[in-house]
Amino acid sequence: MDKKELVLQEIEQVPDILLDEVLDFLRYLKTKITSERIEALITSESSLKKDWLLPEEDIAWQNL
């Protein structure tokens, strides 16, 4: 049984009164992952920007 099936199995056993909380938590996790990816991209951009702005980079990419 894979993890997704295990999670679904657990959700089936959650009392209805807790389903809103479970849903909120799952949405929180998705948002957290997205936020962390965006933060990593921004961090990467600032550290790589100094190399992207070199004249050698412009020459290397001018024929694309």
PDB file of N, CA and C in Angstrom:
ATOM      1  N   MET A   1       0.848  -1.178   0.000  1.00  0.00           N
ATOM      2  CA  MET A   1       0.000   0.000   0.000  1.00  0.00           C
ATOM      3  C   MET A   1       0.896   1.244   0.000  1.00  0.00           C
ATOM      4  N   ASP A   2       0.627   2.182  -0.925  1.00  0.00           N
ATOM      5  CA  ASP A   2       1.463   3.384  -0.972  1.00  0.00           C
ATOM      6  C   ASP A   2       0.971   4.428   0.043  1.00  0.00           C
ATOM      7  N   LYS A   3       1.725   5.489   0.179  1.00  0.00           N
ATOM      8  CA  LYS A   3       1.434   6.503   1.203  1.00  0.00           C
ATOM      9  C   LYS A   3       0.096   7.190   0.966  1.00  0.00           C
ATOM     10  N   LYS A   4      -0.212   7.443  -0.279  1.00  0.00           N
ATOM     11  CA  LYS A   4      -1.478   8.108  -0.577  1.00  0.00           C
ATOM     12  C   LYS A   4      -2.660   7.245  -0.123  1.00  0.00           C
ATOM     13  N   GLU A   5      -2.554   5.967  -0.352  1.00  0.00           N
ATOM     14  CA  GLU A   5      -3.609   5.057   0.085  1.00  0.00           C
ATOM     15  C   GLU A   5      -3.709   5.019   1.614  1.00  0.00           C
ATOM     16  N   LEU A   6      -2.562   5.063   2.282  1.00  0.00           N
ATOM     17  CA  LEU A   6      -2.568   5.085   3.744  1.00  0.00           C
ATOM     18  C   LEU A   6      -3.230   6.352   4.280  1.00  0.00           C
ATOM     19  N   VAL A   7      -2.911   7.480   3.656  1.00  0.00           N
ATOM     20  CA  VAL A   7      -3.519   8.747   4.076  1.00  0.00           C
ATOM     21  C   VAL A   7      -5.027   8.689   3.868  1.00  0.00           C
ATOM     22  N   LEU A   8      -5.450   8.207   2.712  1.00  0.00           N
ATOM     23  CA  LEU A   8      -6.884   8.097   2.433  1.00  0.00           C
ATOM     24  C   LEU A   8      -7.569   7.161   3.434  1.00  0.00           C
ATOM     25  N   GLN A   9      -6.894   6.096   3.770  1.00  0.00           N
ATOM     26  CA  GLN A   9      -7.435   5.151   4.749  1.00  0.00           C
ATOM     27  C   GLN A   9      -7.611   5.828   6.114  1.00  0.00           C
ATOM     28  N   GLU A  10      -6.625   6.616   6.494  1.00  0.00           N
ATOM     29  CA  GLU A  10      -6.718   7.343   7.762  1.00  0.00           C
ATOM     30  C   GLU A  10      -7.850   8.367   7.715  1.00  0.00           C
ATOM     31  N   ILE A  11      -7.978   9.071   6.610  1.00  0.00           N
ATOM     32  CA  ILE A  11      -9.035  10.075   6.477  1.00  0.00           C
ATOM     33  C   ILE A  11     -10.412   9.424   6.596  1.00  0.00           C
ATOM     34  N   GLU A  12     -10.555   8.239   6.057  1.00  0.00           N
ATOM     35  CA  GLU A  12     -11.828   7.519   6.151  1.00  0.00           C
ATOM     36  C   GLU A  12     -12.231   7.270   7.604  1.00  0.00           C
ATOM     37  N   GLN A  13     -11.252   7.197   8.485  1.00  0.00           N
ATOM     38  CA  GLN A  13     -11.522   6.909   9.887  1.00  0.00           C
ATOM     39  C   GLN A  13     -11.682   8.159  10.751  1.00  0.00           C
ATOM     40  N   VAL A  14     -11.447   9.328  10.170  1.00  0.00           N
ATOM     41  CA  VAL A  14     -11.553  10.579  10.926  1.00  0.00           C
ATOM     42  C   VAL A  14     -13.036  10.917  11.125  1.00  0.00           C
ATOM     43  N   PRO A  15     -13.417  11.266  12.329  1.00  0.00           N
ATOM     44  CA  PRO A  15     -14.811  11.670  12.548  1.00  0.00           C
ATOM     45  C   PRO A  15     -15.140  12.927  11.726  1.00  0.00           C
ATOM     46  N   ASP A  16     -16.363  13.004  11.258  1.00  0.00           N
ATOM     47  CA  ASP A  16     -16.785  14.126  10.412  1.00  0.00           C
ATOM     48  C   ASP A  16     -16.487  15.483  11.040  1.00  0.00           C
ATOM     49  N   ILE A  17     -16.577  15.556  12.339  1.00  0.00           N
ATOM     50  CA  ILE A  17     -16.359  16.831  13.022  1.00  0.00           C
ATOM     51  C   ILE A  17     -14.925  17.353  12.836  1.00  0.00           C
ATOM     52  N   LEU A  18     -13.978  16.462  12.517  1.00  0.00           N
ATOM     53  CA  LEU A  18     -12.577  16.860  12.335  1.00  0.00           C
ATOM     54  C   LEU A  18     -12.185  17.068  10.871  1.00  0.00           C
ATOM     55  N   LEU A  19     -13.073  16.781   9.957  1.00  0.00           N
ATOM     56  CA  LEU A  19     -12.719  16.863   8.535  1.00  0.00           C
ATOM     57  C   LEU A  19     -12.339  18.270   8.090  1.00  0.00           C
ATOM     58  N   ASP A  20     -12.984  19.289   8.635  1.00  0.00           N
ATOM     59  CA  ASP A  20     -12.614  20.663   8.297  1.00  0.00           C
ATOM     60  C   ASP A  20     -11.168  20.956   8.690  1.00  0.00           C
ATOM     61  N   GLU A  21     -10.777  20.464   9.861  1.00  0.00           N
ATOM     62  CA  GLU A  21      -9.398  20.653  10.312  1.00  0.00           C
ATOM     63  C   GLU A  21      -8.405  19.908   9.434  1.00  0.00           C
ATOM     64  N   VAL A  22      -8.752  18.695   9.059  1.00  0.00           N
ATOM     65  CA  VAL A  22      -7.889  17.900   8.177  1.00  0.00           C
ATOM     66  C   VAL A  22      -7.720  18.624   6.840  1.00  0.00           C
ATOM     67  N   LEU A  23      -8.809  19.112   6.293  1.00  0.00           N
ATOM     68  CA  LEU A  23      -8.763  19.835   5.026  1.00  0.00           C
ATOM     69  C   LEU A  23      -7.915  21.095   5.150  1.00  0.00           C
ATOM     70  N   ASP A  24      -8.104  21.847   6.214  1.00  0.00           N
ATOM     71  CA  ASP A  24      -7.296  23.052   6.443  1.00  0.00           C
ATOM     72  C   ASP A  24      -5.813  22.713   6.529  1.00  0.00           C
ATOM     73  N   PHE A  25      -5.484  21.629   7.213  1.00  0.00           N
ATOM     74  CA  PHE A  25      -4.082  21.231   7.354  1.00  0.00           C
ATOM     75  C   PHE A  25      -3.479  20.842   6.010  1.00  0.00           C
ATOM     76  N   LEU A  26      -4.212  20.092   5.213  1.00  0.00           N
ATOM     77  CA  LEU A  26      -3.711  19.708   3.892  1.00  0.00           C
ATOM     78  C   LEU A  26      -3.482  20.939   3.016  1.00  0.00           C
ATOM     79  N   ARG A  27      -4.402  21.878   3.067  1.00  0.00           N
ATOM     80  CA  ARG A  27      -4.232  23.124   2.291  1.00  0.00           C
ATOM     81  C   ARG A  27      -3.044  23.936   2.800  1.00  0.00           C
ATOM     82  N   TYR A  28      -2.853  23.957   4.115  1.00  0.00           N
ATOM     83  CA  TYR A  28      -1.696  24.630   4.688  1.00  0.00           C
ATOM     84  C   TYR A  28      -0.395  24.024   4.164  1.00  0.00           C
ATOM     85  N   LEU A  29      -0.321  22.703   4.141  1.00  0.00           N
ATOM     86  CA  LEU A  29       0.888  22.027   3.660  1.00  0.00           C
ATOM     87  C   LEU A  29       1.173  22.368   2.203  1.00  0.00           C
ATOM     88  N   LYS A  30       0.129  22.402   1.375  1.00  0.00           N
ATOM     89  CA  LYS A  30       0.317  22.751  -0.037  1.00  0.00           C
ATOM     90  C   LYS A  30       0.825  24.189  -0.176  1.00  0.00           C
ATOM     91  N   THR A  31       0.265  25.092   0.605  1.00  0.00           N
ATOM     92  CA  THR A  31       0.684  26.488   0.562  1.00  0.00           C
ATOM     93  C   THR A  31       2.125  26.634   1.042  1.00  0.00           C
ATOM     94  N   LYS A  32       2.470  25.905   2.095  1.00  0.00           N
ATOM     95  CA  LYS A  32       3.821  25.960   2.652  1.00  0.00           C
ATOM     96  C   LYS A  32       4.847  25.509   1.617  1.00  0.00           C
ATOM     97  N   ILE A  33       4.555  24.428   0.933  1.00  0.00           N
ATOM     98  CA  ILE A  33       5.470  23.916  -0.090  1.00  0.00           C
ATOM     99  C   ILE A  33       5.658  24.939  -1.198  1.00  0.00           C
ATOM    100  N   THR A  34       4.563  25.534  -1.653  1.00  0.00           N
ATOM    101  CA  THR A  34       4.631  26.539  -2.710  1.00  0.00           C
ATOM    102  C   THR A  34       5.452  27.736  -2.252  1.00  0.00           C
ATOM    103  N   SER A  35       5.225  28.195  -1.033  1.00  0.00           N
ATOM    104  CA  SER A  35       5.958  29.347  -0.495  1.00  0.00           C
ATOM    105  C   SER A  35       7.450  29.051  -0.401  1.00  0.00           C
ATOM    106  N   GLU A  36       7.799  27.853   0.033  1.00  0.00           N
ATOM    107  CA  GLU A  36       9.214  27.486   0.149  1.00  0.00           C
ATOM    108  C   GLU A  36       9.885  27.437  -1.217  1.00  0.00           C
ATOM    109  N   ARG A  37       9.172  26.961  -2.231  1.00  0.00           N
ATOM    110  CA  ARG A  37       9.738  26.921  -3.584  1.00  0.00           C
ATOM    111  C   ARG A  37       9.955  28.328  -4.128  1.00  0.00           C
ATOM    112  N   ILE A  38       8.988  29.204  -3.902  1.00  0.00           N
ATOM    113  CA  ILE A  38       9.121  30.584  -4.361  1.00  0.00           C
ATOM    114  C   ILE A  38      10.303  31.252  -3.668  1.00  0.00           C
ATOM    115  N   GLU A  39      10.434  31.036  -2.375  1.00  0.00           N
ATOM    116  CA  GLU A  39      11.547  31.613  -1.614  1.00  0.00           C
ATOM    117  C   GLU A  39      12.887  31.111  -2.147  1.00  0.00           C
ATOM    118  N   ALA A  40      12.970  29.831  -2.469  1.00  0.00           N
ATOM    119  CA  ALA A  40      14.209  29.270  -3.020  1.00  0.00           C
ATOM    120  C   ALA A  40      14.538  29.889  -4.375  1.00  0.00           C
ATOM    121  N   LEU A  41      13.512  30.092  -5.196  1.00  0.00           N
ATOM    122  CA  LEU A  41      13.744  30.719  -6.501  1.00  0.00           C
ATOM    123  C   LEU A  41      14.261  32.141  -6.350  1.00  0.00           C
ATOM    124  N   ILE A  42      13.670  32.884  -5.441  1.00  0.00           N
ATOM    125  CA  ILE A  42      14.101  34.269  -5.221  1.00  0.00           C
ATOM    126  C   ILE A  42      15.532  34.308  -4.714  1.00  0.00           C
ATOM    127  N   THR A  43      15.866  33.412  -3.792  1.00  0.00           N
ATOM    128  CA  THR A  43      17.228  33.347  -3.264  1.00  0.00           C
ATOM    129  C   THR A  43      18.221  32.998  -4.369  1.00  0.00           C
ATOM    130  N   SER A  44      17.861  32.042  -5.203  1.00  0.00           N
ATOM    131  CA  SER A  44      18.734  31.643  -6.307  1.00  0.00           C
ATOM    132  C   SER A  44      18.940  32.793  -7.278  1.00  0.00           C
ATOM    133  N   GLU A  45      17.870  33.495  -7.577  1.00  0.00           N
ATOM    134  CA  GLU A  45      17.971  34.594  -8.532  1.00  0.00           C
ATOM    135  C   GLU A  45      18.946  35.653  -8.049  1.00  0.00           C
ATOM    136  N   SER A  46      18.848  36.028  -6.786  1.00  0.00           N
ATOM    137  CA  SER A  46      19.739  37.077  -6.281  1.00  0.00           C
ATOM    138  C   SER A  46      21.198  36.636  -6.279  1.00  0.00           C
ATOM    139  N   SER A  47      21.465  35.357  -6.029  1.00  0.00           N
ATOM    140  CA  SER A  47      22.854  34.900  -6.012  1.00  0.00           C
ATOM    141  C   SER A  47      23.407  34.695  -7.425  1.00  0.00           C
ATOM    142  N   LEU A  48      22.548  34.391  -8.386  1.00  0.00           N
ATOM    143  CA  LEU A  48      22.995  34.161  -9.764  1.00  0.00           C
ATOM    144  C   LEU A  48      22.973  35.431 -10.610  1.00  0.00           C
ATOM    145  N   LYS A  49      22.249  36.437 -10.147  1.00  0.00           N
ATOM    146  CA  LYS A  49      22.082  37.657 -10.937  1.00  0.00           C
ATOM    147  C   LYS A  49      23.421  38.295 -11.307  1.00  0.00           C
ATOM    148  N   LYS A  50      24.377  38.251 -10.400  1.00  0.00           N
ATOM    149  CA  LYS A  50      25.679  38.878 -10.669  1.00  0.00           C
ATOM    150  C   LYS A  50      26.362  38.238 -11.885  1.00  0.00           C
ATOM    151  N   ASP A  51      26.162  36.914 -12.073  1.00  0.00           N
ATOM    152  CA  ASP A  51      26.735  36.244 -13.240  1.00  0.00           C
ATOM    153  C   ASP A  51      25.918  36.511 -14.501  1.00  0.00           C
ATOM    154  N   TRP A  52      24.601  36.606 -14.361  1.00  0.00           N
ATOM    155  CA  TRP A  52      23.744  36.847 -15.526  1.00  0.00           C
ATOM    156  C   TRP A  52      24.000  38.206 -16.155  1.00  0.00           C
ATOM    157  N   LEU A  53      24.452  39.156 -15.348  1.00  0.00           N
ATOM    158  CA  LEU A  53      24.614  40.519 -15.838  1.00  0.00           C
ATOM    159  C   LEU A  53      25.986  40.791 -16.454  1.00  0.00           C
ATOM    160  N   LEU A  54      26.816  39.788 -16.564  1.00  0.00           N
ATOM    161  CA  LEU A  54      28.146  39.957 -17.162  1.00  0.00           C
ATOM    162  C   LEU A  54      28.044  40.080 -18.685  1.00  0.00           C
ATOM    163  N   PRO A  55      28.902  40.870 -19.306  1.00  0.00           N
ATOM    164  CA  PRO A  55      28.895  40.995 -20.763  1.00  0.00           C
ATOM    165  C   PRO A  55      29.126  39.651 -21.462  1.00  0.00           C
ATOM    166  N   GLU A  56      29.909  38.770 -20.836  1.00  0.00           N
ATOM    167  CA  GLU A  56      30.168  37.454 -21.422  1.00  0.00           C
ATOM    168  C   GLU A  56      28.869  36.642 -21.562  1.00  0.00           C
ATOM    169  N   GLU A  57      27.984  36.809 -20.639  1.00  0.00           N
ATOM    170  CA  GLU A  57      26.687  36.118 -20.698  1.00  0.00           C
ATOM    171  C   GLU A  57      25.861  36.639 -21.872  1.00  0.00           C
ATOM    172  N   ASP A  58      25.866  37.938 -22.059  1.00  0.00           N
ATOM    173  CA  ASP A  58      25.123  38.511 -23.191  1.00  0.00           C
ATOM    174  C   ASP A  58      25.647  37.954 -24.514  1.00  0.00           C
ATOM    175  N   ILE A  59      26.943  37.870 -24.622  1.00  0.00           N
ATOM    176  CA  ILE A  59      27.553  37.341 -25.863  1.00  0.00           C
ATOM    177  C   ILE A  59      27.190  35.875 -26.055  1.00  0.00           C
ATOM    178  N   ALA A  60      27.254  35.107 -24.978  1.00  0.00           N
ATOM    179  CA  ALA A  60      26.974  33.668 -25.067  1.00  0.00           C
ATOM    180  C   ALA A  60      25.533  33.392 -25.489  1.00  0.00           C
ATOM    181  N   TRP A  61      24.595  34.242 -25.140  1.00  0.00           N
ATOM    182  CA  TRP A  61      23.184  34.002 -25.402  1.00  0.00           C
ATOM    183  C   TRP A  61      22.612  34.811 -26.573  1.00  0.00           C
ATOM    184  N   GLN A  62      23.412  35.615 -27.225  1.00  0.00           N
ATOM    185  CA  GLN A  62      22.863  36.527 -28.238  1.00  0.00           C
ATOM    186  C   GLN A  62      22.295  35.810 -29.477  1.00  0.00           C
ATOM    187  N   ASN A  63      22.730  34.600 -29.773  1.00  0.00           N
ATOM    188  CA  ASN A  63      22.264  33.914 -30.983  1.00  0.00           C
ATOM    189  C   ASN A  63      21.058  32.997 -30.742  1.00  0.00           C
ATOM    190  N   LEU A  64      20.509  33.032 -29.585  1.00  0.00           N
ATOM    191  CA  LEU A  64      19.356  32.160 -29.292  1.00  0.00           C
ATOM    192  C   LEU A  64      18.053  32.844 -29.568  1.00  0.00           C
TER     193      LEU A  64
END
